Amino acid sequence: MPAHFFFIIVLSMATTQCLTGLQAGDRRELPLTCPESCYCPPDHPVVLHCDARSLNLLPTIPTRIWYAYLQSNKMTTMPASHLANASRIILLQLDSNRIKRIPRSTLSKQTNLITLSLRNNLLNEVPIGLPSSLQELHLSGNLISRVRRTSFQRLSNLRTLDLSHNRMEGHGGHAKAYEALSSLSSLDLSHNILSETPRKIPPGLKKLSLAGNNLTTLPVELLPSLPSLRYLSVAQNSLHEDTCTPWKLDGESLLHVDLSENDLTRVPKFRSTLIRLLLQKNHVKEVNTTVVCQMLDGQPARLSFLRLDGNPVLDARFEPGRGIMARSLALCFPYLRPII
């Protein structure tokens, strides 16, 4: 089912439940309780639209609201008093404002909040006092330079964390910053200034993006410590083999790996579970099929997509060698599509 249809169904169900709990007198009041400059759809009374209204201050949100859209305004802070009665909020959308900080008391009592989006603001740290109910936290495009040990202390239900396009250096903060995120499934740290991978990443993680950083290596213990990881992107870094010996992708559940735009000279070894391997725009001069065709787990390979374009190995001057390599790879990877 397409995602937008699913949202409509969920929203309709929420509206029905909300209306069921309202008395007839309350329903007549609904059109009168919408904040000035905002829009409250009469057929969806749990929704509040205050997006792109040039607001400088967070409006006082009515009690009945479940979904609040406040993106593309000029707000710089969020007074706790304006959310004091909005205890039913599930989704709070605050992208593209000018928010620099959020007082601890503003969101700590929002015990129904599931999704908080603060993309493209001016935050220099992860907001403190976030409720334990939170499942999605979007903080990309801010000025965050590191995360504290206590940044995610109460967020054991968080599943998606996006910290991409910030200013995090080193390994991104305290060594135990992510340790409390026991339910985390997706972590996006792409396009920061990381020179090391984060420490103590939750073992249940399924998607990890580290693209666009300053990484030169992946620790040998990283992938074995993430047995559920299916998607890994380390594109647009400075990875090279002599700092990671032997160079291999030893993740038992890996399906998709993007290593494009690095400094690799060889195709790494991997497990039979891998389906997509992206290696375009590296420095691969040859593919040793004797090594590459031996799966780390000794099982038949399932690789079906391999990109090597932008590497010397596909240079037109080595056309005969390309044909031999393609035939060798086809023998050990029976599901492989033509190499790009």
C-alpha atoms as a PDB file:
ATOM      1  CA  MET A   1       0.000   0.000   0.000  1.00  0.00           C
ATOM      2  CA  PRO A   2       1.459   3.437  -0.915  1.00  0.00           C
ATOM      3  CA  ALA A   3       2.652   5.454   2.095  1.00  0.00           C
ATOM      4  CA  HIS A   4       0.292   8.398   1.459  1.00  0.00           C
ATOM      5  CA  PHE A   5      -2.760   6.106   1.411  1.00  0.00           C
ATOM      6  CA  PHE A   6      -1.631   4.554   4.689  1.00  0.00           C
ATOM      7  CA  PHE A   7      -1.309   8.013   6.264  1.00  0.00           C
ATOM      8  CA  ILE A   8      -4.803   8.973   5.097  1.00  0.00           C
ATOM      9  CA  ILE A   9      -6.255   5.807   6.622  1.00  0.00           C
ATOM     10  CA  VAL A  10      -4.437   6.394   9.942  1.00  0.00           C
ATOM     11  CA  LEU A  11      -5.492  10.040   9.967  1.00  0.00           C
ATOM     12  CA  SER A  12      -9.125   9.141   9.264  1.00  0.00           C
ATOM     13  CA  MET A  13      -9.104   6.591  12.082  1.00  0.00           C
ATOM     14  CA  ALA A  14      -7.573   9.154  14.446  1.00  0.00           C
ATOM     15  CA  THR A  15     -10.180  11.725  13.489  1.00  0.00           C
ATOM     16  CA  THR A  16     -13.004   9.267  14.070  1.00  0.00           C
ATOM     17  CA  GLN A  17     -11.647   8.326  17.493  1.00  0.00           C
ATOM     18  CA  CYS A  18     -11.207  11.955  18.417  1.00  0.00           C
ATOM     19  CA  LEU A  19     -14.730  12.913  17.372  1.00  0.00           C
ATOM     20  CA  THR A  20     -16.136   9.957  19.266  1.00  0.00           C
ATOM     21  CA  GLY A  21     -14.615  11.326  22.448  1.00  0.00           C
ATOM     22  CA  LEU A  22     -15.989  14.821  21.934  1.00  0.00           C
ATOM     23  CA  GLN A  23     -19.403  15.862  23.161  1.00  0.00           C
ATOM     24  CA  ALA A  24     -21.811  17.608  20.824  1.00  0.00           C
ATOM     25  CA  GLY A  25     -21.164  20.981  22.422  1.00  0.00           C
ATOM     26  CA  ASP A  26     -17.411  20.561  21.928  1.00  0.00           C
ATOM     27  CA  ARG A  27     -17.891  19.815  18.242  1.00  0.00           C
ATOM     28  CA  ARG A  28     -19.645  23.133  17.731  1.00  0.00           C
ATOM     29  CA  GLU A  29     -16.656  24.839  19.358  1.00  0.00           C
ATOM     30  CA  LEU A  30     -14.058  23.170  17.117  1.00  0.00           C
ATOM     31  CA  PRO A  31     -13.921  25.850  14.363  1.00  0.00           C
ATOM     32  CA  LEU A  32     -13.473  28.536  17.061  1.00  0.00           C
ATOM     33  CA  THR A  33     -10.407  27.000  18.729  1.00  0.00           C
ATOM     34  CA  CYS A  34      -7.939  27.306  15.874  1.00  0.00           C
ATOM     35  CA  PRO A  35      -4.925  29.571  16.547  1.00  0.00           C
ATOM     36  CA  GLU A  36      -4.799  32.805  14.607  1.00  0.00           C
ATOM     37  CA  SER A  37      -2.966  32.549  11.251  1.00  0.00           C
ATOM     38  CA  CYS A  38      -3.380  28.760  11.268  1.00  0.00           C
ATOM     39  CA  TYR A  39      -5.812  26.438   9.534  1.00  0.00           C
ATOM     40  CA  CYS A  40      -7.769  23.629  11.171  1.00  0.00           C
ATOM     41  CA  PRO A  41      -9.525  21.409   8.600  1.00  0.00           C
ATOM     42  CA  PRO A  42     -13.141  20.942   9.721  1.00  0.00           C
ATOM     43  CA  ASP A  43     -13.153  17.356   8.464  1.00  0.00           C
ATOM     44  CA  HIS A  44      -9.893  16.566  10.335  1.00  0.00           C
ATOM     45  CA  PRO A  45     -10.177  18.356  13.703  1.00  0.00           C
ATOM     46  CA  VAL A  46      -7.069  16.655  15.116  1.00  0.00           C
ATOM     47  CA  VAL A  47      -4.838  18.355  12.514  1.00  0.00           C
ATOM     48  CA  LEU A  48      -3.293  21.820  12.788  1.00  0.00           C
ATOM     49  CA  HIS A  49      -1.678  23.577   9.801  1.00  0.00           C
ATOM     50  CA  CYS A  50       0.504  26.555  10.714  1.00  0.00           C
ATOM     51  CA  ASP A  51       3.164  25.984   8.052  1.00  0.00           C
ATOM     52  CA  ALA A  52       4.660  28.860   6.000  1.00  0.00           C
ATOM     53  CA  ARG A  53       2.841  31.588   7.940  1.00  0.00           C
ATOM     54  CA  SER A  54       5.913  33.713   8.852  1.00  0.00           C
ATOM     55  CA  LEU A  55       5.271  32.967  12.540  1.00  0.00           C
ATOM     56  CA  ASN A  56       7.868  34.250  14.999  1.00  0.00           C
ATOM     57  CA  LEU A  57       6.441  32.387  17.974  1.00  0.00           C
ATOM     58  CA  LEU A  58       4.953  28.964  18.543  1.00  0.00           C
ATOM     59  CA  PRO A  59       1.151  29.374  18.751  1.00  0.00           C
ATOM     60  CA  THR A  60      -0.790  27.950  21.664  1.00  0.00           C
ATOM     61  CA  ILE A  61      -1.867  24.517  20.464  1.00  0.00           C
ATOM     62  CA  PRO A  62      -5.400  23.317  21.359  1.00  0.00           C
ATOM     63  CA  THR A  63      -5.842  20.188  23.467  1.00  0.00           C
ATOM     64  CA  ARG A  64      -7.507  18.158  20.721  1.00  0.00           C
ATOM     65  CA  ILE A  65      -4.573  18.367  18.253  1.00  0.00           C
ATOM     66  CA  TRP A  66      -2.696  15.184  17.345  1.00  0.00           C
ATOM     67  CA  TYR A  67      -0.780  16.356  14.254  1.00  0.00           C
ATOM     68  CA  ALA A  68       0.823  19.828  14.271  1.00  0.00           C
ATOM     69  CA  TYR A  69       2.540  21.192  11.153  1.00  0.00           C
ATOM     70  CA  LEU A  70       4.620  24.302  11.904  1.00  0.00           C
ATOM     71  CA  GLN A  71       7.415  24.075   9.338  1.00  0.00           C
ATOM     72  CA  SER A  72       8.792  26.963   7.245  1.00  0.00           C
ATOM     73  CA  ASN A  73       8.323  29.765   9.760  1.00  0.00           C
ATOM     74  CA  LYS A  74      10.638  32.109  11.685  1.00  0.00           C
ATOM     75  CA  MET A  75      10.366  30.671  15.185  1.00  0.00           C
ATOM     76  CA  THR A  76      13.505  30.801  17.345  1.00  0.00           C
ATOM     77  CA  THR A  77      12.288  29.033  20.487  1.00  0.00           C
ATOM     78  CA  MET A  78       9.386  27.010  21.883  1.00  0.00           C
ATOM     79  CA  PRO A  79       7.793  28.248  25.124  1.00  0.00           C
ATOM     80  CA  ALA A  80       6.572  25.353  27.261  1.00  0.00           C
ATOM     81  CA  SER A  81       3.354  27.223  28.091  1.00  0.00           C
ATOM     82  CA  HIS A  82       2.220  27.097  24.450  1.00  0.00           C
ATOM     83  CA  LEU A  83       2.271  23.293  24.536  1.00  0.00           C
ATOM     84  CA  ALA A  84       0.982  22.913  28.085  1.00  0.00           C
ATOM     85  CA  ASN A  85      -2.481  21.710  27.047  1.00  0.00           C
ATOM     86  CA  ALA A  86      -1.407  19.829  23.913  1.00  0.00           C
ATOM     87  CA  SER A  87      -0.918  16.482  25.609  1.00  0.00           C
ATOM     88  CA  ARG A  88      -2.304  14.431  22.701  1.00  0.00           C
ATOM     89  CA  ILE A  89       0.239  15.417  20.053  1.00  0.00           C
ATOM     90  CA  ILE A  90       1.615  12.458  18.086  1.00  0.00           C
ATOM     91  CA  LEU A  91       3.502  14.329  15.354  1.00  0.00           C
ATOM     92  CA  LEU A  92       5.225  17.710  15.712  1.00  0.00           C
ATOM     93  CA  GLN A  93       6.684  19.118  12.490  1.00  0.00           C
ATOM     94  CA  LEU A  94       9.044  22.087  12.974  1.00  0.00           C
ATOM     95  CA  ASP A  95      11.369  21.893   9.969  1.00  0.00           C
ATOM     96  CA  SER A  96      12.914  25.025   8.438  1.00  0.00           C
ATOM     97  CA  ASN A  97      12.560  27.449  11.322  1.00  0.00           C
ATOM     98  CA  ARG A  98      15.257  29.316  13.271  1.00  0.00           C
ATOM     99  CA  ILE A  99      15.090  27.369  16.506  1.00  0.00           C
ATOM    100  CA  LYS A 100      18.317  27.560  18.516  1.00  0.00           C
ATOM    101  CA  ARG A 101      17.259  25.747  21.655  1.00  0.00           C
ATOM    102  CA  ILE A 102      14.275  24.027  23.237  1.00  0.00           C
ATOM    103  CA  PRO A 103      13.770  24.374  27.014  1.00  0.00           C
ATOM    104  CA  ARG A 104      13.812  21.050  28.873  1.00  0.00           C
ATOM    105  CA  SER A 105      10.218  21.477  30.070  1.00  0.00           C
ATOM    106  CA  THR A 106       8.769  22.122  26.598  1.00  0.00           C
ATOM    107  CA  LEU A 107       8.510  18.518  25.409  1.00  0.00           C
ATOM    108  CA  SER A 108       9.119  16.411  28.507  1.00  0.00           C
ATOM    109  CA  LYS A 109       5.380  16.100  29.239  1.00  0.00           C
ATOM    110  CA  GLN A 110       4.386  15.193  25.658  1.00  0.00           C
ATOM    111  CA  THR A 111       3.942  11.541  26.561  1.00  0.00           C
ATOM    112  CA  ASN A 112       2.126  10.679  23.296  1.00  0.00           C
ATOM    113  CA  LEU A 113       4.683  12.253  20.967  1.00  0.00           C
ATOM    114  CA  ILE A 114       5.959   9.713  18.418  1.00  0.00           C
ATOM    115  CA  THR A 115       7.544  11.834  15.661  1.00  0.00           C
ATOM    116  CA  LEU A 116       9.537  15.031  16.183  1.00  0.00           C
ATOM    117  CA  SER A 117      11.031  16.750  13.137  1.00  0.00           C
ATOM    118  CA  LEU A 118      13.433  19.684  13.542  1.00  0.00           C
ATOM    119  CA  ARG A 119      15.290  19.589  10.222  1.00  0.00           C
ATOM    120  CA  ASN A 120      17.047  22.745   9.025  1.00  0.00           C
ATOM    121  CA  ASN A 121      17.089  24.775  12.217  1.00  0.00           C
ATOM    122  CA  LEU A 122      19.926  26.313  14.263  1.00  0.00           C
ATOM    123  CA  LEU A 123      20.257  23.761  17.063  1.00  0.00           C
ATOM    124  CA  ASN A 124      23.799  23.243  18.344  1.00  0.00           C
ATOM    125  CA  GLU A 125      22.909  20.240  20.506  1.00  0.00           C
ATOM    126  CA  VAL A 126      20.300  17.510  20.732  1.00  0.00           C
ATOM    127  CA  PRO A 127      17.249  18.868  22.607  1.00  0.00           C
ATOM    128  CA  ILE A 128      17.125  17.714  26.211  1.00  0.00           C
ATOM    129  CA  GLY A 129      14.089  16.429  28.063  1.00  0.00           C
ATOM    130  CA  LEU A 130      12.602  14.532  25.116  1.00  0.00           C
ATOM    131  CA  PRO A 131       9.755  12.140  26.061  1.00  0.00           C
ATOM    132  CA  SER A 132      10.330   8.393  26.200  1.00  0.00           C
ATOM    133  CA  SER A 133       7.411   7.824  23.796  1.00  0.00           C
ATOM    134  CA  LEU A 134       9.456   9.206  20.865  1.00  0.00           C
ATOM    135  CA  GLN A 135      10.038   6.792  17.964  1.00  0.00           C
ATOM    136  CA  GLU A 136      11.343   9.125  15.226  1.00  0.00           C
ATOM    137  CA  LEU A 137      13.728  12.053  15.705  1.00  0.00           C
ATOM    138  CA  HIS A 138      14.817  14.100  12.683  1.00  0.00           C
ATOM    139  CA  LEU A 139      17.609  16.628  13.341  1.00  0.00           C
ATOM    140  CA  SER A 140      19.365  16.912   9.969  1.00  0.00           C
ATOM    141  CA  GLY A 141      20.613  20.271   8.741  1.00  0.00           C
ATOM    142  CA  ASN A 142      21.429  21.806  12.133  1.00  0.00           C
ATOM    143  CA  LEU A 143      24.672  22.920  13.831  1.00  0.00           C
ATOM    144  CA  ILE A 144      25.111  19.961  16.184  1.00  0.00           C
ATOM    145  CA  SER A 145      28.810  19.265  16.809  1.00  0.00           C
ATOM    146  CA  ARG A 146      28.572  16.356  19.257  1.00  0.00           C
ATOM    147  CA  VAL A 147      26.139  14.301  21.295  1.00  0.00           C
ATOM    148  CA  ARG A 148      26.337  13.970  25.052  1.00  0.00           C
ATOM    149  CA  ARG A 149      26.165  10.739  27.020  1.00  0.00           C
ATOM    150  CA  THR A 150      22.722  11.781  28.292  1.00  0.00           C
ATOM    151  CA  SER A 151      21.369  13.054  24.944  1.00  0.00           C
ATOM    152  CA  PHE A 152      19.266   9.930  24.326  1.00  0.00           C
ATOM    153  CA  GLN A 153      19.086   8.597  27.874  1.00  0.00           C
ATOM    154  CA  ARG A 154      15.286   8.164  28.024  1.00  0.00           C
ATOM    155  CA  LEU A 155      14.709   7.235  24.374  1.00  0.00           C
ATOM    156  CA  SER A 156      14.559   3.452  24.573  1.00  0.00           C
ATOM    157  CA  ASN A 157      11.633   3.428  22.088  1.00  0.00           C
ATOM    158  CA  LEU A 158      13.403   5.486  19.405  1.00  0.00           C
ATOM    159  CA  ARG A 159      13.595   3.648  16.073  1.00  0.00           C
ATOM    160  CA  THR A 160      14.783   6.319  13.621  1.00  0.00           C
ATOM    161  CA  LEU A 161      17.483   8.904  14.333  1.00  0.00           C
ATOM    162  CA  ASP A 162      18.624  11.352  11.639  1.00  0.00           C
ATOM    163  CA  LEU A 163      21.642  13.515  12.488  1.00  0.00           C
ATOM    164  CA  SER A 164      22.833  14.018   8.921  1.00  0.00           C
ATOM    165  CA  HIS A 165      24.195  17.322   7.620  1.00  0.00           C
ATOM    166  CA  ASN A 166      25.453  18.567  10.973  1.00  0.00           C
ATOM    167  CA  ARG A 167      28.963  19.396  12.248  1.00  0.00           C
ATOM    168  CA  MET A 168      29.915  16.350  14.272  1.00  0.00           C
ATOM    169  CA  GLU A 169      33.631  15.573  14.376  1.00  0.00           C
ATOM    170  CA  GLY A 170      35.763  12.678  15.618  1.00  0.00           C
ATOM    171  CA  HIS A 171      33.435   9.786  16.405  1.00  0.00           C
ATOM    172  CA  GLY A 172      30.484  12.097  17.003  1.00  0.00           C
ATOM    173  CA  GLY A 173      30.381  12.499  20.757  1.00  0.00           C
ATOM    174  CA  HIS A 174      30.489  10.501  23.960  1.00  0.00           C
ATOM    175  CA  ALA A 175      31.453   6.842  23.609  1.00  0.00           C
ATOM    176  CA  LYS A 176      28.174   5.757  25.228  1.00  0.00           C
ATOM    177  CA  ALA A 177      25.911   8.334  23.586  1.00  0.00           C
ATOM    178  CA  TYR A 178      23.920   5.767  21.563  1.00  0.00           C
ATOM    179  CA  GLU A 179      24.003   2.954  24.108  1.00  0.00           C
ATOM    180  CA  ALA A 180      20.511   3.660  25.522  1.00  0.00           C
ATOM    181  CA  LEU A 181      18.828   3.438  22.108  1.00  0.00           C
ATOM    182  CA  SER A 182      17.906  -0.225  22.452  1.00  0.00           C
ATOM    183  CA  SER A 183      15.139  -0.093  19.793  1.00  0.00           C
ATOM    184  CA  LEU A 184      17.080   1.892  17.183  1.00  0.00           C
ATOM    185  CA  SER A 185      16.632   0.564  13.641  1.00  0.00           C
ATOM    186  CA  SER A 186      17.937   3.408  11.441  1.00  0.00           C
ATOM    187  CA  LEU A 187      20.848   5.779  12.129  1.00  0.00           C
ATOM    188  CA  ASP A 188      21.839   8.488   9.646  1.00  0.00           C
ATOM    189  CA  LEU A 189      25.118  10.293  10.365  1.00  0.00           C
ATOM    190  CA  SER A 190      25.891  11.167   6.764  1.00  0.00           C
ATOM    191  CA  HIS A 191      27.483  14.451   5.717  1.00  0.00           C
ATOM    192  CA  ASN A 192      29.169  15.375   8.966  1.00  0.00           C
ATOM    193  CA  ILE A 193      32.933  15.595   9.613  1.00  0.00           C
ATOM    194  CA  LEU A 194      33.393  12.217  11.313  1.00  0.00           C
ATOM    195  CA  SER A 195      36.879  10.703  11.198  1.00  0.00           C
ATOM    196  CA  GLU A 196      35.857   7.629  13.215  1.00  0.00           C
ATOM    197  CA  THR A 197      32.733   5.523  13.392  1.00  0.00           C
ATOM    198  CA  PRO A 198      30.512   6.000  16.477  1.00  0.00           C
ATOM    199  CA  ARG A 199      31.068   3.659  19.396  1.00  0.00           C
ATOM    200  CA  LYS A 200      28.614   1.277  21.015  1.00  0.00           C
ATOM    201  CA  ILE A 201      26.016   1.386  18.250  1.00  0.00           C
ATOM    202  CA  PRO A 202      22.907  -0.632  19.250  1.00  0.00           C
ATOM    203  CA  PRO A 203      23.217  -4.196  17.882  1.00  0.00           C
ATOM    204  CA  GLY A 204      19.659  -4.230  16.502  1.00  0.00           C
ATOM    205  CA  LEU A 205      20.432  -1.520  13.939  1.00  0.00           C
ATOM    206  CA  LYS A 206      19.237  -2.345  10.388  1.00  0.00           C
ATOM    207  CA  LYS A 207      20.280   0.770   8.463  1.00  0.00           C
ATOM    208  CA  LEU A 208      23.462   2.823   8.922  1.00  0.00           C
ATOM    209  CA  SER A 209      24.530   5.758   6.760  1.00  0.00           C
ATOM    210  CA  LEU A 210      27.979   7.277   7.189  1.00  0.00           C
ATOM    211  CA  ALA A 211      28.281   8.769   3.712  1.00  0.00           C
ATOM    212  CA  GLY A 212      30.035  12.075   3.146  1.00  0.00           C
ATOM    213  CA  ASN A 213      32.390  12.050   6.139  1.00  0.00           C
ATOM    214  CA  ASN A 214      36.182  11.813   6.586  1.00  0.00           C
ATOM    215  CA  LEU A 215      36.443   8.097   7.365  1.00  0.00           C
ATOM    216  CA  THR A 216      39.563   6.274   6.218  1.00  0.00           C
ATOM    217  CA  THR A 217      38.663   2.861   7.623  1.00  0.00           C
ATOM    218  CA  LEU A 218      35.914   0.723   9.109  1.00  0.00           C
ATOM    219  CA  PRO A 219      36.869  -0.996  12.379  1.00  0.00           C
ATOM    220  CA  VAL A 220      37.149  -4.754  11.962  1.00  0.00           C
ATOM    221  CA  GLU A 221      34.690  -5.281  14.821  1.00  0.00           C
ATOM    222  CA  LEU A 222      32.009  -2.900  13.481  1.00  0.00           C
ATOM    223  CA  LEU A 223      30.015  -5.190  11.184  1.00  0.00           C
ATOM    224  CA  PRO A 224      30.178  -8.353  13.359  1.00  0.00           C
ATOM    225  CA  SER A 225      28.789  -6.235  16.207  1.00  0.00           C
ATOM    226  CA  LEU A 226      25.733  -5.340  14.090  1.00  0.00           C
ATOM    227  CA  PRO A 227      24.208  -8.740  13.210  1.00  0.00           C
ATOM    228  CA  SER A 228      20.896  -7.232  12.009  1.00  0.00           C
ATOM    229  CA  LEU A 229      22.419  -4.590   9.712  1.00  0.00           C
ATOM    230  CA  ARG A 230      21.000  -4.778   6.184  1.00  0.00           C
ATOM    231  CA  TYR A 231      21.919  -1.430   4.629  1.00  0.00           C
ATOM    232  CA  LEU A 232      25.300   0.274   4.916  1.00  0.00           C
ATOM    233  CA  SER A 233      26.447   3.420   3.124  1.00  0.00           C
ATOM    234  CA  VAL A 234      29.996   4.694   3.523  1.00  0.00           C
ATOM    235  CA  ALA A 235      30.089   6.491   0.177  1.00  0.00           C
ATOM    236  CA  GLN A 236      32.051   9.715  -0.326  1.00  0.00           C
ATOM    237  CA  ASN A 237      34.708   9.072   2.304  1.00  0.00           C
ATOM    238  CA  SER A 238      38.431   8.242   2.035  1.00  0.00           C
ATOM    239  CA  LEU A 239      38.358   4.499   2.691  1.00  0.00           C
ATOM    240  CA  HIS A 240      41.424   2.530   1.644  1.00  0.00           C
ATOM    241  CA  GLU A 241      42.563  -1.016   2.313  1.00  0.00           C
ATOM    242  CA  ASP A 242      45.922  -0.624   3.985  1.00  0.00           C
ATOM    243  CA  THR A 243      44.258   0.648   7.145  1.00  0.00           C
ATOM    244  CA  CYS A 244      41.811  -2.270   7.311  1.00  0.00           C
ATOM    245  CA  THR A 245      43.435  -5.673   6.828  1.00  0.00           C
ATOM    246  CA  PRO A 246      41.908  -7.877   5.657  1.00  0.00           C
ATOM    247  CA  TRP A 247      39.388  -5.688   3.856  1.00  0.00           C
ATOM    248  CA  LYS A 248      36.053  -7.496   4.131  1.00  0.00           C
ATOM    249  CA  LEU A 249      32.338  -6.915   4.663  1.00  0.00           C
ATOM    250  CA  ASP A 250      31.658  -9.406   7.414  1.00  0.00           C
ATOM    251  CA  GLY A 251      28.042  -8.521   8.229  1.00  0.00           C
ATOM    252  CA  GLU A 252      25.836 -11.579   8.467  1.00  0.00           C
ATOM    253  CA  SER A 253      22.634  -9.806   7.345  1.00  0.00           C
ATOM    254  CA  LEU A 254      24.024  -7.249   4.882  1.00  0.00           C
ATOM    255  CA  LEU A 255      21.977  -6.873   1.693  1.00  0.00           C
ATOM    256  CA  HIS A 256      23.096  -3.487   0.334  1.00  0.00           C
ATOM    257  CA  VAL A 257      26.516  -1.816   0.674  1.00  0.00           C
ATOM    258  CA  ASP A 258      27.515   1.498  -0.896  1.00  0.00           C
ATOM    259  CA  LEU A 259      31.279   2.121  -0.985  1.00  0.00           C
ATOM    260  CA  SER A 260      31.266   4.492  -3.955  1.00  0.00           C
ATOM    261  CA  GLU A 261      33.580   7.502  -4.227  1.00  0.00           C
ATOM    262  CA  ASN A 262      36.350   6.249  -1.960  1.00  0.00           C
ATOM    263  CA  ASP A 263      40.004   5.258  -2.466  1.00  0.00           C
ATOM    264  CA  LEU A 264      39.592   1.480  -2.657  1.00  0.00           C
ATOM    265  CA  THR A 265      41.801  -0.492  -5.055  1.00  0.00           C
ATOM    266  CA  ARG A 266      40.267  -3.944  -4.591  1.00  0.00           C
ATOM    267  CA  VAL A 267      36.802  -5.466  -4.365  1.00  0.00           C
ATOM    268  CA  PRO A 268      36.316  -6.492  -0.707  1.00  0.00           C
ATOM    269  CA  LYS A 269      35.302  -9.975   0.330  1.00  0.00           C
ATOM    270  CA  PHE A 270      31.740 -10.386   1.543  1.00  0.00           C
ATOM    271  CA  ARG A 271      29.104 -12.866   2.685  1.00  0.00           C
ATOM    272  CA  SER A 272      26.630 -14.730   0.473  1.00  0.00           C
ATOM    273  CA  THR A 273      23.714 -12.612   1.752  1.00  0.00           C
ATOM    274  CA  LEU A 274      24.915  -9.479  -0.079  1.00  0.00           C
ATOM    275  CA  ILE A 275      22.740  -8.533  -3.073  1.00  0.00           C
ATOM    276  CA  ARG A 276      23.910  -5.028  -4.054  1.00  0.00           C
ATOM    277  CA  LEU A 277      27.507  -3.744  -3.958  1.00  0.00           C
ATOM    278  CA  LEU A 278      28.298  -0.227  -5.188  1.00  0.00           C
ATOM    279  CA  LEU A 279      31.970   0.503  -5.878  1.00  0.00           C
ATOM    280  CA  GLN A 280      31.812   3.174  -8.577  1.00  0.00           C
ATOM    281  CA  LYS A 281      34.404   5.973  -8.630  1.00  0.00           C
ATOM    282  CA  ASN A 282      37.140   4.181  -6.698  1.00  0.00           C
ATOM    283  CA  HIS A 283      40.613   3.086  -7.863  1.00  0.00           C
ATOM    284  CA  VAL A 284      39.978  -0.598  -8.579  1.00  0.00           C
ATOM    285  CA  LYS A 285      42.427  -1.746 -11.261  1.00  0.00           C
ATOM    286  CA  GLU A 286      41.638  -5.460 -11.251  1.00  0.00           C
ATOM    287  CA  VAL A 287      39.209  -7.956  -9.766  1.00  0.00           C
ATOM    288  CA  ASN A 288      40.809 -11.077  -8.343  1.00  0.00           C
ATOM    289  CA  THR A 289      37.926 -13.501  -8.894  1.00  0.00           C
ATOM    290  CA  THR A 290      39.781 -16.275  -7.065  1.00  0.00           C
ATOM    291  CA  VAL A 291      39.484 -14.206  -3.886  1.00  0.00           C
ATOM    292  CA  VAL A 292      36.198 -12.378  -4.503  1.00  0.00           C
ATOM    293  CA  CYS A 293      34.247 -15.511  -5.430  1.00  0.00           C
ATOM    294  CA  GLN A 294      34.974 -17.169  -2.094  1.00  0.00           C
ATOM    295  CA  MET A 295      32.149 -16.130   0.225  1.00  0.00           C
ATOM    296  CA  LEU A 296      33.118 -15.447   3.839  1.00  0.00           C
ATOM    297  CA  ASP A 297      30.420 -17.836   5.061  1.00  0.00           C
ATOM    298  CA  GLY A 298      31.102 -20.508   2.423  1.00  0.00           C
ATOM    299  CA  GLN A 299      27.532 -20.373   1.038  1.00  0.00           C
ATOM    300  CA  PRO A 300      26.390 -19.846  -2.582  1.00  0.00           C
ATOM    301  CA  ALA A 301      26.511 -16.163  -3.574  1.00  0.00           C
ATOM    302  CA  ARG A 302      23.344 -14.124  -4.165  1.00  0.00           C
ATOM    303  CA  LEU A 303      24.980 -10.964  -5.516  1.00  0.00           C
ATOM    304  CA  SER A 304      22.848  -9.541  -8.335  1.00  0.00           C
ATOM    305  CA  PHE A 305      24.051  -5.943  -8.731  1.00  0.00           C
ATOM    306  CA  LEU A 306      27.642  -4.691  -8.904  1.00  0.00           C
ATOM    307  CA  ARG A 307      28.779  -1.207  -9.932  1.00  0.00           C
ATOM    308  CA  LEU A 308      32.380  -0.674 -10.986  1.00  0.00           C
ATOM    309  CA  ASP A 309      31.987   2.283 -13.335  1.00  0.00           C
ATOM    310  CA  GLY A 310      34.496   5.063 -12.830  1.00  0.00           C
ATOM    311  CA  ASN A 311      37.266   2.578 -11.932  1.00  0.00           C
ATOM    312  CA  PRO A 312      40.402   1.813 -13.975  1.00  0.00           C
ATOM    313  CA  VAL A 313      39.294  -1.837 -14.266  1.00  0.00           C
ATOM    314  CA  LEU A 314      36.587  -0.756 -16.720  1.00  0.00           C
ATOM    315  CA  ASP A 315      38.875   1.510 -18.728  1.00  0.00           C
ATOM    316  CA  ALA A 316      38.303   1.019 -22.449  1.00  0.00           C
ATOM    317  CA  ARG A 317      42.012   0.300 -22.930  1.00  0.00           C
ATOM    318  CA  PHE A 318      41.590  -2.995 -21.089  1.00  0.00           C
ATOM    319  CA  GLU A 319      38.648  -4.296 -23.105  1.00  0.00           C
ATOM    320  CA  PRO A 320      39.955  -7.926 -23.455  1.00  0.00           C
ATOM    321  CA  GLY A 321      40.562  -8.151 -19.718  1.00  0.00           C
ATOM    322  CA  ARG A 322      37.088  -6.806 -19.024  1.00  0.00           C
ATOM    323  CA  GLY A 323      35.523  -9.644 -20.987  1.00  0.00           C
ATOM    324  CA  ILE A 324      37.507 -12.287 -19.118  1.00  0.00           C
ATOM    325  CA  MET A 325      36.634 -10.705 -15.776  1.00  0.00           C
ATOM    326  CA  ALA A 326      32.925 -10.491 -16.642  1.00  0.00           C
ATOM    327  CA  ARG A 327      32.829 -14.180 -17.622  1.00  0.00           C
ATOM    328  CA  SER A 328      34.634 -15.205 -14.423  1.00  0.00           C
ATOM    329  CA  LEU A 329      32.264 -13.188 -12.269  1.00  0.00           C
ATOM    330  CA  ALA A 330      29.250 -14.626 -14.072  1.00  0.00           C
ATOM    331  CA  LEU A 331      30.375 -18.131 -13.165  1.00  0.00           C
ATOM    332  CA  CYS A 332      30.576 -17.494  -9.414  1.00  0.00           C
ATOM    333  CA  PHE A 333      27.675 -15.002  -9.258  1.00  0.00           C
ATOM    334  CA  PRO A 334      24.884 -16.647 -11.286  1.00  0.00           C
ATOM    335  CA  TYR A 335      22.347 -13.917 -10.407  1.00  0.00           C
ATOM    336  CA  LEU A 336      24.634 -11.047 -11.384  1.00  0.00           C
ATOM    337  CA  ARG A 337      23.272  -8.580 -13.908  1.00  0.00           C
ATOM    338  CA  PRO A 338      25.647  -7.033 -16.454  1.00  0.00           C
ATOM    339  CA  ILE A 339      28.326  -5.077 -14.619  1.00  0.00           C
ATOM    340  CA  ILE A 340      27.879  -1.326 -14.798  1.00  0.00           C
END
